[in-house]
Amino acid sequence: MLCITLAFGLSPVSANDARGGLVDFQRVNAAALRSAEAVARGLLPDGRREGSEWVAKPPHRESTGLGSFKVSLTKGVWSDFKTGDRGGDLVSLAAFVAGVSQREAALRLADLLGVDPFQ
């Protein structure tokens, strides 16, 4: 089983990564979606699976319970229904949670998932 940990937010990848090149976001997102529950659990560890969704506490605001922050484990789309923050894939979720760029999030996810992130 794949383990994505909170270290995701702690290991920066240089924007001038020595590997260089254009990031293949579609490839990284496809790999993340294949392990969607592990990715969601690693990024939002206080959550739980409810059907085909990961329901969690919002990562950037105080909340006493689960419910307003959801991630589709089949499509990768996510939303905080209280604030309107949302995204269309797991790379954008990782970027939102870690407070990094989409490129940085894609590189980190690719590294954790063992995927070549470049075109």
PDB file of N, CA and C in Angstrom:
ATOM      1  N   MET A   1       0.844  -1.186   0.000  1.00  0.00           N
ATOM      2  CA  MET A   1       0.000   0.000   0.000  1.00  0.00           C
ATOM      3  C   MET A   1       0.887   1.245   0.000  1.00  0.00           C
ATOM      4  N   LEU A   2       0.538   2.175  -0.802  1.00  0.00           N
ATOM      5  CA  LEU A   2       1.271   3.433  -0.913  1.00  0.00           C
ATOM      6  C   LEU A   2       1.047   4.276   0.330  1.00  0.00           C
ATOM      7  N   CYS A   3       2.100   4.900   0.814  1.00  0.00           N
ATOM      8  CA  CYS A   3       1.973   5.764   1.982  1.00  0.00           C
ATOM      9  C   CYS A   3       2.438   7.173   1.631  1.00  0.00           C
ATOM     10  N   ILE A   4       1.510   8.097   1.582  1.00  0.00           N
ATOM     11  CA  ILE A   4       1.826   9.506   1.366  1.00  0.00           C
ATOM     12  C   ILE A   4       1.754  10.137   2.749  1.00  0.00           C
ATOM     13  N   THR A   5       2.817  10.792   3.175  1.00  0.00           N
ATOM     14  CA  THR A   5       2.814  11.315   4.537  1.00  0.00           C
ATOM     15  C   THR A   5       2.793  12.828   4.551  1.00  0.00           C
ATOM     16  N   LEU A   6       2.657  13.371   5.751  1.00  0.00           N
ATOM     17  CA  LEU A   6       2.679  14.815   5.918  1.00  0.00           C
ATOM     18  C   LEU A   6       4.021  15.408   5.516  1.00  0.00           C
ATOM     19  N   ALA A   7       5.035  14.567   5.344  1.00  0.00           N
ATOM     20  CA  ALA A   7       6.329  15.067   4.876  1.00  0.00           C
ATOM     21  C   ALA A   7       6.190  15.718   3.511  1.00  0.00           C
ATOM     22  N   PHE A   8       5.080  15.440   2.825  1.00  0.00           N
ATOM     23  CA  PHE A   8       4.828  16.059   1.522  1.00  0.00           C
ATOM     24  C   PHE A   8       5.052  17.560   1.598  1.00  0.00           C
ATOM     25  N   GLY A   9       4.562  18.187   2.644  1.00  0.00           N
ATOM     26  CA  GLY A   9       4.675  19.629   2.775  1.00  0.00           C
ATOM     27  C   GLY A   9       6.027  20.095   3.276  1.00  0.00           C
ATOM     28  N   LEU A  10       6.928  19.163   3.587  1.00  0.00           N
ATOM     29  CA  LEU A  10       8.183  19.549   4.210  1.00  0.00           C
ATOM     30  C   LEU A  10       9.415  19.358   3.329  1.00  0.00           C
ATOM     31  N   SER A  11       9.237  18.766   2.158  1.00  0.00           N
ATOM     32  CA  SER A  11      10.417  18.499   1.336  1.00  0.00           C
ATOM     33  C   SER A  11      10.344  19.261   0.020  1.00  0.00           C
ATOM     34  N   PRO A  12      10.825  20.498   0.025  1.00  0.00           N
ATOM     35  CA  PRO A  12      10.711  21.307  -1.187  1.00  0.00           C
ATOM     36  C   PRO A  12      11.541  20.770  -2.347  1.00  0.00           C
ATOM     37  N   VAL A  13      11.006  20.966  -3.521  1.00  0.00           N
ATOM     38  CA  VAL A  13      11.702  20.639  -4.756  1.00  0.00           C
ATOM     39  C   VAL A  13      12.039  21.971  -5.402  1.00  0.00           C
ATOM     40  N   SER A  14      13.254  22.130  -5.851  1.00  0.00           N
ATOM     41  CA  SER A  14      13.655  23.394  -6.457  1.00  0.00           C
ATOM     42  C   SER A  14      12.863  23.672  -7.718  1.00  0.00           C
ATOM     43  N   ALA A  15      12.453  24.914  -7.907  1.00  0.00           N
ATOM     44  CA  ALA A  15      11.750  25.301  -9.129  1.00  0.00           C
ATOM     45  C   ALA A  15      12.670  25.087 -10.335  1.00  0.00           C
ATOM     46  N   ASN A  16      13.969  25.126 -10.087  1.00  0.00           N
ATOM     47  CA  ASN A  16      14.950  24.867 -11.142  1.00  0.00           C
ATOM     48  C   ASN A  16      15.479  23.452 -11.002  1.00  0.00           C
ATOM     49  N   ASP A  17      14.585  22.527 -10.725  1.00  0.00           N
ATOM     50  CA  ASP A  17      14.929  21.124 -10.551  1.00  0.00           C
ATOM     51  C   ASP A  17      15.928  20.708 -11.625  1.00  0.00           C
ATOM     52  N   ALA A  18      16.969  20.005 -11.201  1.00  0.00           N
ATOM     53  CA  ALA A  18      18.031  19.608 -12.127  1.00  0.00           C
ATOM     54  C   ALA A  18      17.499  18.759 -13.277  1.00  0.00           C
ATOM     55  N   ARG A  19      16.374  18.104 -13.068  1.00  0.00           N
ATOM     56  CA  ARG A  19      15.796  17.282 -14.132  1.00  0.00           C
ATOM     57  C   ARG A  19      15.165  18.152 -15.209  1.00  0.00           C
ATOM     58  N   GLY A  20      14.738  19.365 -14.856  1.00  0.00           N
ATOM     59  CA  GLY A  20      14.170  20.313 -15.807  1.00  0.00           C
ATOM     60  C   GLY A  20      13.049  19.764 -16.650  1.00  0.00           C
ATOM     61  N   GLY A  21      12.611  20.552 -17.602  1.00  0.00           N
ATOM     62  CA  GLY A  21      11.597  20.094 -18.535  1.00  0.00           C
ATOM     63  C   GLY A  21      10.192  20.491 -18.136  1.00  0.00           C
ATOM     64  N   LEU A  22       9.279  20.226 -19.061  1.00  0.00           N
ATOM     65  CA  LEU A  22       7.879  20.534 -18.837  1.00  0.00           C
ATOM     66  C   LEU A  22       7.226  19.408 -18.045  1.00  0.00           C
ATOM     67  N   VAL A  23       6.452  19.785 -17.046  1.00  0.00           N
ATOM     68  CA  VAL A  23       5.774  18.790 -16.221  1.00  0.00           C
ATOM     69  C   VAL A  23       4.555  18.257 -16.971  1.00  0.00           C
ATOM     70  N   ASP A  24       4.405  16.945 -16.972  1.00  0.00           N
ATOM     71  CA  ASP A  24       3.241  16.293 -17.564  1.00  0.00           C
ATOM     72  C   ASP A  24       2.193  16.135 -16.460  1.00  0.00           C
ATOM     73  N   PHE A  25       1.393  17.188 -16.270  1.00  0.00           N
ATOM     74  CA  PHE A  25       0.400  17.202 -15.198  1.00  0.00           C
ATOM     75  C   PHE A  25      -0.613  16.071 -15.368  1.00  0.00           C
ATOM     76  N   GLN A  26      -0.963  15.750 -16.597  1.00  0.00           N
ATOM     77  CA  GLN A  26      -1.929  14.685 -16.848  1.00  0.00           C
ATOM     78  C   GLN A  26      -1.396  13.344 -16.336  1.00  0.00           C
ATOM     79  N   ARG A  27      -0.120  13.061 -16.587  1.00  0.00           N
ATOM     80  CA  ARG A  27       0.491  11.815 -16.124  1.00  0.00           C
ATOM     81  C   ARG A  27       0.521  11.754 -14.596  1.00  0.00           C
ATOM     82  N   VAL A  28       0.932  12.859 -13.966  1.00  0.00           N
ATOM     83  CA  VAL A  28       1.009  12.880 -12.503  1.00  0.00           C
ATOM     84  C   VAL A  28      -0.384  12.740 -11.897  1.00  0.00           C
ATOM     85  N   ASN A  29      -1.355  13.457 -12.460  1.00  0.00           N
ATOM     86  CA  ASN A  29      -2.722  13.348 -11.944  1.00  0.00           C
ATOM     87  C   ASN A  29      -3.286  11.942 -12.119  1.00  0.00           C
ATOM     88  N   ALA A  30      -3.001  11.309 -13.245  1.00  0.00           N
ATOM     89  CA  ALA A  30      -3.488   9.944 -13.468  1.00  0.00           C
ATOM     90  C   ALA A  30      -2.903   8.988 -12.432  1.00  0.00           C
ATOM     91  N   ALA A  31      -1.618   9.128 -12.145  1.00  0.00           N
ATOM     92  CA  ALA A  31      -0.972   8.281 -11.134  1.00  0.00           C
ATOM     93  C   ALA A  31      -1.557   8.563  -9.751  1.00  0.00           C
ATOM     94  N   ALA A  32      -1.772   9.835  -9.441  1.00  0.00           N
ATOM     95  CA  ALA A  32      -2.349  10.202  -8.144  1.00  0.00           C
ATOM     96  C   ALA A  32      -3.761   9.649  -8.017  1.00  0.00           C
ATOM     97  N   LEU A  33      -4.524   9.703  -9.087  1.00  0.00           N
ATOM     98  CA  LEU A  33      -5.900   9.214  -9.046  1.00  0.00           C
ATOM     99  C   LEU A  33      -5.952   7.702  -8.826  1.00  0.00           C
ATOM    100  N   ARG A  34      -4.971   6.983  -9.360  1.00  0.00           N
ATOM    101  CA  ARG A  34      -4.912   5.529  -9.125  1.00  0.00           C
ATOM    102  C   ARG A  34      -4.687   5.219  -7.648  1.00  0.00           C
ATOM    103  N   SER A  35      -4.107   6.153  -6.916  1.00  0.00           N
ATOM    104  CA  SER A  35      -3.864   5.989  -5.474  1.00  0.00           C
ATOM    105  C   SER A  35      -4.582   7.093  -4.689  1.00  0.00           C
ATOM    106  N   ALA A  36      -5.757   7.455  -5.159  1.00  0.00           N
ATOM    107  CA  ALA A  36      -6.457   8.628  -4.627  1.00  0.00           C
ATOM    108  C   ALA A  36      -6.682   8.569  -3.119  1.00  0.00           C
ATOM    109  N   GLU A  37      -7.073   7.424  -2.601  1.00  0.00           N
ATOM    110  CA  GLU A  37      -7.337   7.363  -1.166  1.00  0.00           C
ATOM    111  C   GLU A  37      -6.056   7.566  -0.359  1.00  0.00           C
ATOM    112  N   ALA A  38      -4.956   6.975  -0.792  1.00  0.00           N
ATOM    113  CA  ALA A  38      -3.678   7.156  -0.091  1.00  0.00           C
ATOM    114  C   ALA A  38      -3.226   8.612  -0.167  1.00  0.00           C
ATOM    115  N   VAL A  39      -3.400   9.240  -1.329  1.00  0.00           N
ATOM    116  CA  VAL A  39      -3.033  10.655  -1.478  1.00  0.00           C
ATOM    117  C   VAL A  39      -3.881  11.512  -0.560  1.00  0.00           C
ATOM    118  N   ALA A  40      -5.199  11.296  -0.584  1.00  0.00           N
ATOM    119  CA  ALA A  40      -6.101  12.083   0.270  1.00  0.00           C
ATOM    120  C   ALA A  40      -5.790  11.862   1.749  1.00  0.00           C
ATOM    121  N   ARG A  41      -5.550  10.627   2.125  1.00  0.00           N
ATOM    122  CA  ARG A  41      -5.241  10.317   3.524  1.00  0.00           C
ATOM    123  C   ARG A  41      -3.948  10.997   3.957  1.00  0.00           C
ATOM    124  N   GLY A  42      -2.953  11.004   3.080  1.00  0.00           N
ATOM    125  CA  GLY A  42      -1.677  11.631   3.417  1.00  0.00           C
ATOM    126  C   GLY A  42      -1.770  13.137   3.529  1.00  0.00           C
ATOM    127  N   LEU A  43      -2.558  13.748   2.656  1.00  0.00           N
ATOM    128  CA  LEU A  43      -2.689  15.209   2.667  1.00  0.00           C
ATOM    129  C   LEU A  43      -3.667  15.694   3.722  1.00  0.00           C
ATOM    130  N   LEU A  44      -4.685  14.882   3.994  1.00  0.00           N
ATOM    131  CA  LEU A  44      -5.754  15.265   4.931  1.00  0.00           C
ATOM    132  C   LEU A  44      -5.963  14.115   5.924  1.00  0.00           C
ATOM    133  N   PRO A  45      -5.005  13.906   6.829  1.00  0.00           N
ATOM    134  CA  PRO A  45      -5.014  12.721   7.691  1.00  0.00           C
ATOM    135  C   PRO A  45      -6.165  12.648   8.694  1.00  0.00           C
ATOM    136  N   ASP A  46      -6.830  13.764   8.963  1.00  0.00           N
ATOM    137  CA  ASP A  46      -7.942  13.740   9.919  1.00  0.00           C
ATOM    138  C   ASP A  46      -9.263  13.339   9.273  1.00  0.00           C
ATOM    139  N   GLY A  47      -9.211  12.958   7.999  1.00  0.00           N
ATOM    140  CA  GLY A  47     -10.433  12.630   7.287  1.00  0.00           C
ATOM    141  C   GLY A  47     -10.776  11.160   7.327  1.00  0.00           C
ATOM    142  N   ARG A  48     -11.817  10.830   6.575  1.00  0.00           N
ATOM    143  CA  ARG A  48     -12.244   9.436   6.463  1.00  0.00           C
ATOM    144  C   ARG A  48     -12.977   9.243   5.133  1.00  0.00           C
ATOM    145  N   ARG A  49     -13.005   8.008   4.714  1.00  0.00           N
ATOM    146  CA  ARG A  49     -13.712   7.673   3.473  1.00  0.00           C
ATOM    147  C   ARG A  49     -15.203   7.563   3.766  1.00  0.00           C
ATOM    148  N   GLU A  50     -15.987   8.188   2.907  1.00  0.00           N
ATOM    149  CA  GLU A  50     -17.440   8.051   2.941  1.00  0.00           C
ATOM    150  C   GLU A  50     -17.880   7.780   1.517  1.00  0.00           C
ATOM    151  N   GLY A  51     -18.147   6.528   1.210  1.00  0.00           N
ATOM    152  CA  GLY A  51     -18.497   6.150  -0.156  1.00  0.00           C
ATOM    153  C   GLY A  51     -17.330   6.403  -1.088  1.00  0.00           C
ATOM    154  N   SER A  52     -17.555   7.213  -2.114  1.00  0.00           N
ATOM    155  CA  SER A  52     -16.490   7.502  -3.081  1.00  0.00           C
ATOM    156  C   SER A  52     -15.815   8.846  -2.802  1.00  0.00           C
ATOM    157  N   GLU A  53     -15.956   9.350  -1.567  1.00  0.00           N
ATOM    158  CA  GLU A  53     -15.356  10.641  -1.205  1.00  0.00           C
ATOM    159  C   GLU A  53     -14.482  10.508   0.038  1.00  0.00           C
ATOM    160  N   TRP A  54     -13.489  11.403   0.118  1.00  0.00           N
ATOM    161  CA  TRP A  54     -12.698  11.581   1.331  1.00  0.00           C
ATOM    162  C   TRP A  54     -13.235  12.855   1.983  1.00  0.00           C
ATOM    163  N   VAL A  55     -13.742  12.741   3.191  1.00  0.00           N
ATOM    164  CA  VAL A  55     -14.325  13.872   3.910  1.00  0.00           C
ATOM    165  C   VAL A  55     -13.361  14.220   5.034  1.00  0.00           C
ATOM    166  N   ALA A  56     -12.955  15.496   5.085  1.00  0.00           N
ATOM    167  CA  ALA A  56     -11.894  15.884   6.020  1.00  0.00           C
ATOM    168  C   ALA A  56     -12.150  17.245   6.643  1.00  0.00           C
ATOM    169  N   LYS A  57     -11.360  17.525   7.674  1.00  0.00           N
ATOM    170  CA  LYS A  57     -11.348  18.881   8.227  1.00  0.00           C
ATOM    171  C   LYS A  57     -10.621  19.769   7.226  1.00  0.00           C
ATOM    172  N   PRO A  58     -11.059  21.003   7.062  1.00  0.00           N
ATOM    173  CA  PRO A  58     -10.374  21.893   6.121  1.00  0.00           C
ATOM    174  C   PRO A  58      -8.936  22.163   6.572  1.00  0.00           C
ATOM    175  N   PRO A  59      -7.985  22.139   5.641  1.00  0.00           N
ATOM    176  CA  PRO A  59      -6.581  22.288   6.029  1.00  0.00           C
ATOM    177  C   PRO A  59      -6.165  23.701   6.435  1.00  0.00           C
ATOM    178  N   HIS A  60      -6.923  24.732   6.056  1.00  0.00           N
ATOM    179  CA  HIS A  60      -6.484  26.105   6.320  1.00  0.00           C
ATOM    180  C   HIS A  60      -7.448  26.931   7.160  1.00  0.00           C
ATOM    181  N   ARG A  61      -8.347  26.278   7.865  1.00  0.00           N
ATOM    182  CA  ARG A  61      -9.224  27.018   8.758  1.00  0.00           C
ATOM    183  C   ARG A  61      -9.667  26.105   9.885  1.00  0.00           C
ATOM    184  N   GLU A  62     -10.018  26.728  10.997  1.00  0.00           N
ATOM    185  CA  GLU A  62     -10.473  25.968  12.156  1.00  0.00           C
ATOM    186  C   GLU A  62     -11.851  25.377  11.879  1.00  0.00           C
ATOM    187  N   SER A  63     -12.015  24.143  12.240  1.00  0.00           N
ATOM    188  CA  SER A  63     -13.302  23.481  12.099  1.00  0.00           C
ATOM    189  C   SER A  63     -13.358  22.378  13.142  1.00  0.00           C
ATOM    190  N   THR A  64     -14.502  22.217  13.747  1.00  0.00           N
ATOM    191  CA  THR A  64     -14.624  21.204  14.791  1.00  0.00           C
ATOM    192  C   THR A  64     -15.022  19.836  14.256  1.00  0.00           C
ATOM    193  N   GLY A  65     -15.396  19.778  12.999  1.00  0.00           N
ATOM    194  CA  GLY A  65     -15.822  18.483  12.484  1.00  0.00           C
ATOM    195  C   GLY A  65     -15.589  18.329  11.001  1.00  0.00           C
ATOM    196  N   LEU A  66     -15.958  17.145  10.548  1.00  0.00           N
ATOM    197  CA  LEU A  66     -15.837  16.813   9.136  1.00  0.00           C
ATOM    198  C   LEU A  66     -17.111  17.228   8.410  1.00  0.00           C
ATOM    199  N   GLY A  67     -16.995  17.401   7.112  1.00  0.00           N
ATOM    200  CA  GLY A  67     -18.205  17.613   6.347  1.00  0.00           C
ATOM    201  C   GLY A  67     -18.119  18.627   5.238  1.00  0.00           C
ATOM    202  N   SER A  68     -17.466  19.762   5.478  1.00  0.00           N
ATOM    203  CA  SER A  68     -17.485  20.790   4.439  1.00  0.00           C
ATOM    204  C   SER A  68     -16.333  20.653   3.443  1.00  0.00           C
ATOM    205  N   PHE A  69     -15.327  19.841   3.739  1.00  0.00           N
ATOM    206  CA  PHE A  69     -14.190  19.661   2.832  1.00  0.00           C
ATOM    207  C   PHE A  69     -14.228  18.236   2.293  1.00  0.00           C
ATOM    208  N   LYS A  70     -14.402  18.117   0.969  1.00  0.00           N
ATOM    209  CA  LYS A  70     -14.545  16.789   0.373  1.00  0.00           C
ATOM    210  C   LYS A  70     -13.677  16.646  -0.874  1.00  0.00           C
ATOM    211  N   VAL A  71     -13.208  15.413  -1.068  1.00  0.00           N
ATOM    212  CA  VAL A  71     -12.405  15.061  -2.234  1.00  0.00           C
ATOM    213  C   VAL A  71     -13.057  13.849  -2.892  1.00  0.00           C
ATOM    214  N   SER A  72     -13.328  13.941  -4.184  1.00  0.00           N
ATOM    215  CA  SER A  72     -13.836  12.789  -4.926  1.00  0.00           C
ATOM    216  C   SER A  72     -12.678  11.840  -5.187  1.00  0.00           C
ATOM    217  N   LEU A  73     -12.816  10.600  -4.737  1.00  0.00           N
ATOM    218  CA  LEU A  73     -11.765   9.606  -4.933  1.00  0.00           C
ATOM    219  C   LEU A  73     -11.822   8.980  -6.325  1.00  0.00           C
ATOM    220  N   THR A  74     -12.866   9.265  -7.076  1.00  0.00           N
ATOM    221  CA  THR A  74     -12.981   8.729  -8.431  1.00  0.00           C
ATOM    222  C   THR A  74     -12.595   9.752  -9.492  1.00  0.00           C
ATOM    223  N   LYS A  75     -12.771  11.043  -9.183  1.00  0.00           N
ATOM    224  CA  LYS A  75     -12.476  12.095 -10.158  1.00  0.00           C
ATOM    225  C   LYS A  75     -11.321  13.000  -9.742  1.00  0.00           C
ATOM    226  N   GLY A  76     -11.031  13.055  -8.447  1.00  0.00           N
ATOM    227  CA  GLY A  76      -9.950  13.912  -7.959  1.00  0.00           C
ATOM    228  C   GLY A  76     -10.371  15.335  -7.670  1.00  0.00           C
ATOM    229  N   VAL A  77     -11.591  15.713  -8.018  1.00  0.00           N
ATOM    230  CA  VAL A  77     -12.048  17.079  -7.738  1.00  0.00           C
ATOM    231  C   VAL A  77     -12.256  17.231  -6.236  1.00  0.00           C
ATOM    232  N   TRP A  78     -12.095  18.447  -5.745  1.00  0.00           N
ATOM    233  CA  TRP A  78     -12.217  18.694  -4.313  1.00  0.00           C
ATOM    234  C   TRP A  78     -12.818  20.071  -4.077  1.00  0.00           C
ATOM    235  N   SER A  79     -13.374  20.257  -2.877  1.00  0.00           N
ATOM    236  CA  SER A  79     -13.986  21.540  -2.557  1.00  0.00           C
ATOM    237  C   SER A  79     -14.115  21.724  -1.052  1.00  0.00           C
ATOM    238  N   ASP A  80     -13.931  22.971  -0.633  1.00  0.00           N
ATOM    239  CA  ASP A  80     -14.311  23.395   0.712  1.00  0.00           C
ATOM    240  C   ASP A  80     -15.614  24.159   0.511  1.00  0.00           C
ATOM    241  N   PHE A  81     -16.715  23.526   0.849  1.00  0.00           N
ATOM    242  CA  PHE A  81     -18.022  24.093   0.559  1.00  0.00           C
ATOM    243  C   PHE A  81     -18.348  25.328   1.395  1.00  0.00           C
ATOM    244  N   LYS A  82     -17.593  25.566   2.461  1.00  0.00           N
ATOM    245  CA  LYS A  82     -17.803  26.781   3.260  1.00  0.00           C
ATOM    246  C   LYS A  82     -17.125  28.001   2.655  1.00  0.00           C
ATOM    247  N   THR A  83     -15.914  27.816   2.116  1.00  0.00           N
ATOM    248  CA  THR A  83     -15.151  28.959   1.619  1.00  0.00           C
ATOM    249  C   THR A  83     -15.226  29.113   0.102  1.00  0.00           C
ATOM    250  N   GLY A  84     -15.594  28.042  -0.580  1.00  0.00           N
ATOM    251  CA  GLY A  84     -15.607  28.080  -2.040  1.00  0.00           C
ATOM    252  C   GLY A  84     -14.284  27.678  -2.667  1.00  0.00           C
ATOM    253  N   ASP A  85     -13.258  27.400  -1.852  1.00  0.00           N
ATOM    254  CA  ASP A  85     -11.989  26.915  -2.408  1.00  0.00           C
ATOM    255  C   ASP A  85     -12.261  25.565  -3.052  1.00  0.00           C
ATOM    256  N   ARG A  86     -11.702  25.353  -4.257  1.00  0.00           N
ATOM    257  CA  ARG A  86     -11.928  24.088  -4.947  1.00  0.00           C
ATOM    258  C   ARG A  86     -10.895  23.893  -6.047  1.00  0.00           C
ATOM    259  N   GLY A  87     -10.811  22.662  -6.512  1.00  0.00           N
ATOM    260  CA  GLY A  87      -9.887  22.348  -7.587  1.00  0.00           C
ATOM    261  C   GLY A  87     -10.351  21.145  -8.365  1.00  0.00           C
ATOM    262  N   GLY A  88      -9.751  20.949  -9.522  1.00  0.00           N
ATOM    263  CA  GLY A  88     -10.198  19.912 -10.430  1.00  0.00           C
ATOM    264  C   GLY A  88      -9.390  18.635 -10.421  1.00  0.00           C
ATOM    265  N   ASP A  89      -8.331  18.560  -9.586  1.00  0.00           N
ATOM    266  CA  ASP A  89      -7.510  17.345  -9.588  1.00  0.00           C
ATOM    267  C   ASP A  89      -6.687  17.268  -8.307  1.00  0.00           C
ATOM    268  N   LEU A  90      -5.981  16.151  -8.149  1.00  0.00           N
ATOM    269  CA  LEU A  90      -5.226  15.927  -6.914  1.00  0.00           C
ATOM    270  C   LEU A  90      -3.939  16.739  -6.842  1.00  0.00           C
ATOM    271  N   VAL A  91      -3.378  17.139  -7.984  1.00  0.00           N
ATOM    272  CA  VAL A  91      -2.220  18.038  -7.945  1.00  0.00           C
ATOM    273  C   VAL A  91      -2.646  19.385  -7.359  1.00  0.00           C
ATOM    274  N   SER A  92      -3.791  19.891  -7.766  1.00  0.00           N
ATOM    275  CA  SER A  92      -4.245  21.175  -7.209  1.00  0.00           C
ATOM    276  C   SER A  92      -4.563  21.045  -5.722  1.00  0.00           C
ATOM    277  N   LEU A  93      -5.062  19.884  -5.299  1.00  0.00           N
ATOM    278  CA  LEU A  93      -5.300  19.652  -3.868  1.00  0.00           C
ATOM    279  C   LEU A  93      -3.972  19.688  -3.106  1.00  0.00           C
ATOM    280  N   ALA A  94      -2.972  18.983  -3.631  1.00  0.00           N
ATOM    281  CA  ALA A  94      -1.662  18.962  -2.972  1.00  0.00           C
ATOM    282  C   ALA A  94      -1.068  20.366  -2.899  1.00  0.00           C
ATOM    283  N   ALA A  95      -1.203  21.138  -3.974  1.00  0.00           N
ATOM    284  CA  ALA A  95      -0.691  22.516  -3.980  1.00  0.00           C
ATOM    285  C   ALA A  95      -1.420  23.359  -2.941  1.00  0.00           C
ATOM    286  N   PHE A  96      -2.732  23.205  -2.863  1.00  0.00           N
ATOM    287  CA  PHE A  96      -3.532  23.965  -1.899  1.00  0.00           C
ATOM    288  C   PHE A  96      -3.138  23.616  -0.463  1.00  0.00           C
ATOM    289  N   VAL A  97      -3.068  22.341  -0.165  1.00  0.00           N
ATOM    290  CA  VAL A  97      -2.755  21.903   1.200  1.00  0.00           C
ATOM    291  C   VAL A  97      -1.352  22.334   1.612  1.00  0.00           C
ATOM    292  N   ALA A  98      -0.367  22.154   0.718  1.00  0.00           N
ATOM    293  CA  ALA A  98       1.028  22.462   1.049  1.00  0.00           C
ATOM    294  C   ALA A  98       1.390  23.927   0.861  1.00  0.00           C
ATOM    295  N   GLY A  99       0.518  24.684   0.173  1.00  0.00           N
ATOM    296  CA  GLY A  99       0.814  26.098  -0.057  1.00  0.00           C
ATOM    297  C   GLY A  99       1.962  26.299  -1.031  1.00  0.00           C
ATOM    298  N   VAL A 100       2.000  25.465  -2.065  1.00  0.00           N
ATOM    299  CA  VAL A 100       3.061  25.554  -3.064  1.00  0.00           C
ATOM    300  C   VAL A 100       2.442  25.683  -4.455  1.00  0.00           C
ATOM    301  N   SER A 101       3.280  25.902  -5.461  1.00  0.00           N
ATOM    302  CA  SER A 101       2.800  26.008  -6.838  1.00  0.00           C
ATOM    303  C   SER A 101       2.331  24.648  -7.339  1.00  0.00           C
ATOM    304  N   GLN A 102       1.583  24.670  -8.435  1.00  0.00           N
ATOM    305  CA  GLN A 102       1.126  23.427  -9.065  1.00  0.00           C
ATOM    306  C   GLN A 102       2.331  22.585  -9.517  1.00  0.00           C
ATOM    307  N   ARG A 103       3.342  23.249 -10.064  1.00  0.00           N
ATOM    308  CA  ARG A 103       4.543  22.530 -10.509  1.00  0.00           C
ATOM    309  C   ARG A 103       5.214  21.831  -9.332  1.00  0.00           C
ATOM    310  N   GLU A 104       5.403  22.575  -8.257  1.00  0.00           N
ATOM    311  CA  GLU A 104       6.041  22.006  -7.067  1.00  0.00           C
ATOM    312  C   GLU A 104       5.236  20.817  -6.546  1.00  0.00           C
ATOM    313  N   ALA A 105       3.928  20.967  -6.484  1.00  0.00           N
ATOM    314  CA  ALA A 105       3.064  19.893  -6.001  1.00  0.00           C
ATOM    315  C   ALA A 105       3.156  18.671  -6.920  1.00  0.00           C
ATOM    316  N   ALA A 106       3.153  18.893  -8.217  1.00  0.00           N
ATOM    317  CA  ALA A 106       3.244  17.785  -9.177  1.00  0.00           C
ATOM    318  C   ALA A 106       4.579  17.047  -9.032  1.00  0.00           C
ATOM    319  N   LEU A 107       5.666  17.791  -8.868  1.00  0.00           N
ATOM    320  CA  LEU A 107       6.982  17.161  -8.711  1.00  0.00           C
ATOM    321  C   LEU A 107       7.034  16.336  -7.429  1.00  0.00           C
ATOM    322  N   ARG A 108       6.494  16.875  -6.347  1.00  0.00           N
ATOM    323  CA  ARG A 108       6.492  16.137  -5.075  1.00  0.00           C
ATOM    324  C   ARG A 108       5.638  14.882  -5.169  1.00  0.00           C
ATOM    325  N   LEU A 109       4.442  15.016  -5.734  1.00  0.00           N
ATOM    326  CA  LEU A 109       3.573  13.845  -5.882  1.00  0.00           C
ATOM    327  C   LEU A 109       4.231  12.792  -6.773  1.00  0.00           C
ATOM    328  N   ALA A 110       4.788  13.222  -7.888  1.00  0.00           N
ATOM    329  CA  ALA A 110       5.441  12.280  -8.802  1.00  0.00           C
ATOM    330  C   ALA A 110       6.550  11.519  -8.087  1.00  0.00           C
ATOM    331  N   ASP A 111       7.332  12.229  -7.285  1.00  0.00           N
ATOM    332  CA  ASP A 111       8.413  11.594  -6.536  1.00  0.00           C
ATOM    333  C   ASP A 111       7.846  10.552  -5.567  1.00  0.00           C
ATOM    334  N   LEU A 112       6.802  10.918  -4.830  1.00  0.00           N
ATOM    335  CA  LEU A 112       6.201   9.991  -3.867  1.00  0.00           C
ATOM    336  C   LEU A 112       5.537   8.799  -4.546  1.00  0.00           C
ATOM    337  N   LEU A 113       5.005   9.019  -5.749  1.00  0.00           N
ATOM    338  CA  LEU A 113       4.292   7.962  -6.466  1.00  0.00           C
ATOM    339  C   LEU A 113       5.203   7.140  -7.382  1.00  0.00           C
ATOM    340  N   GLY A 114       6.454   7.584  -7.537  1.00  0.00           N
ATOM    341  CA  GLY A 114       7.391   6.869  -8.382  1.00  0.00           C
ATOM    342  C   GLY A 114       7.106   7.010  -9.866  1.00  0.00           C
ATOM    343  N   VAL A 115       6.664   8.211 -10.270  1.00  0.00           N
ATOM    344  CA  VAL A 115       6.316   8.462 -11.669  1.00  0.00           C
ATOM    345  C   VAL A 115       7.263   9.512 -12.256  1.00  0.00           C
ATOM    346  N   ASP A 116       7.601   9.368 -13.519  1.00  0.00           N
ATOM    347  CA  ASP A 116       8.381  10.404 -14.199  1.00  0.00           C
ATOM    348  C   ASP A 116       7.436  11.566 -14.493  1.00  0.00           C
ATOM    349  N   PRO A 117       7.699  12.739 -13.918  1.00  0.00           N
ATOM    350  CA  PRO A 117       6.760  13.856 -14.086  1.00  0.00           C
ATOM    351  C   PRO A 117       6.952  14.662 -15.354  1.00  0.00           C
ATOM    352  N   PHE A 118       7.953  14.336 -16.158  1.00  0.00           N
ATOM    353  CA  PHE A 118       8.280  15.183 -17.296  1.00  0.00           C
ATOM    354  C   PHE A 118       7.791  14.617 -18.624  1.00  0.00           C
ATOM    355  N   GLN A 119       7.480  15.533 -19.542  1.00  0.00           N
ATOM    356  CA  GLN A 119       7.026  15.158 -20.890  1.00  0.00           C
ATOM    357  C   GLN A 119       8.190  14.632 -21.694  1.00  0.00           C
TER     358      GLN A 119
END
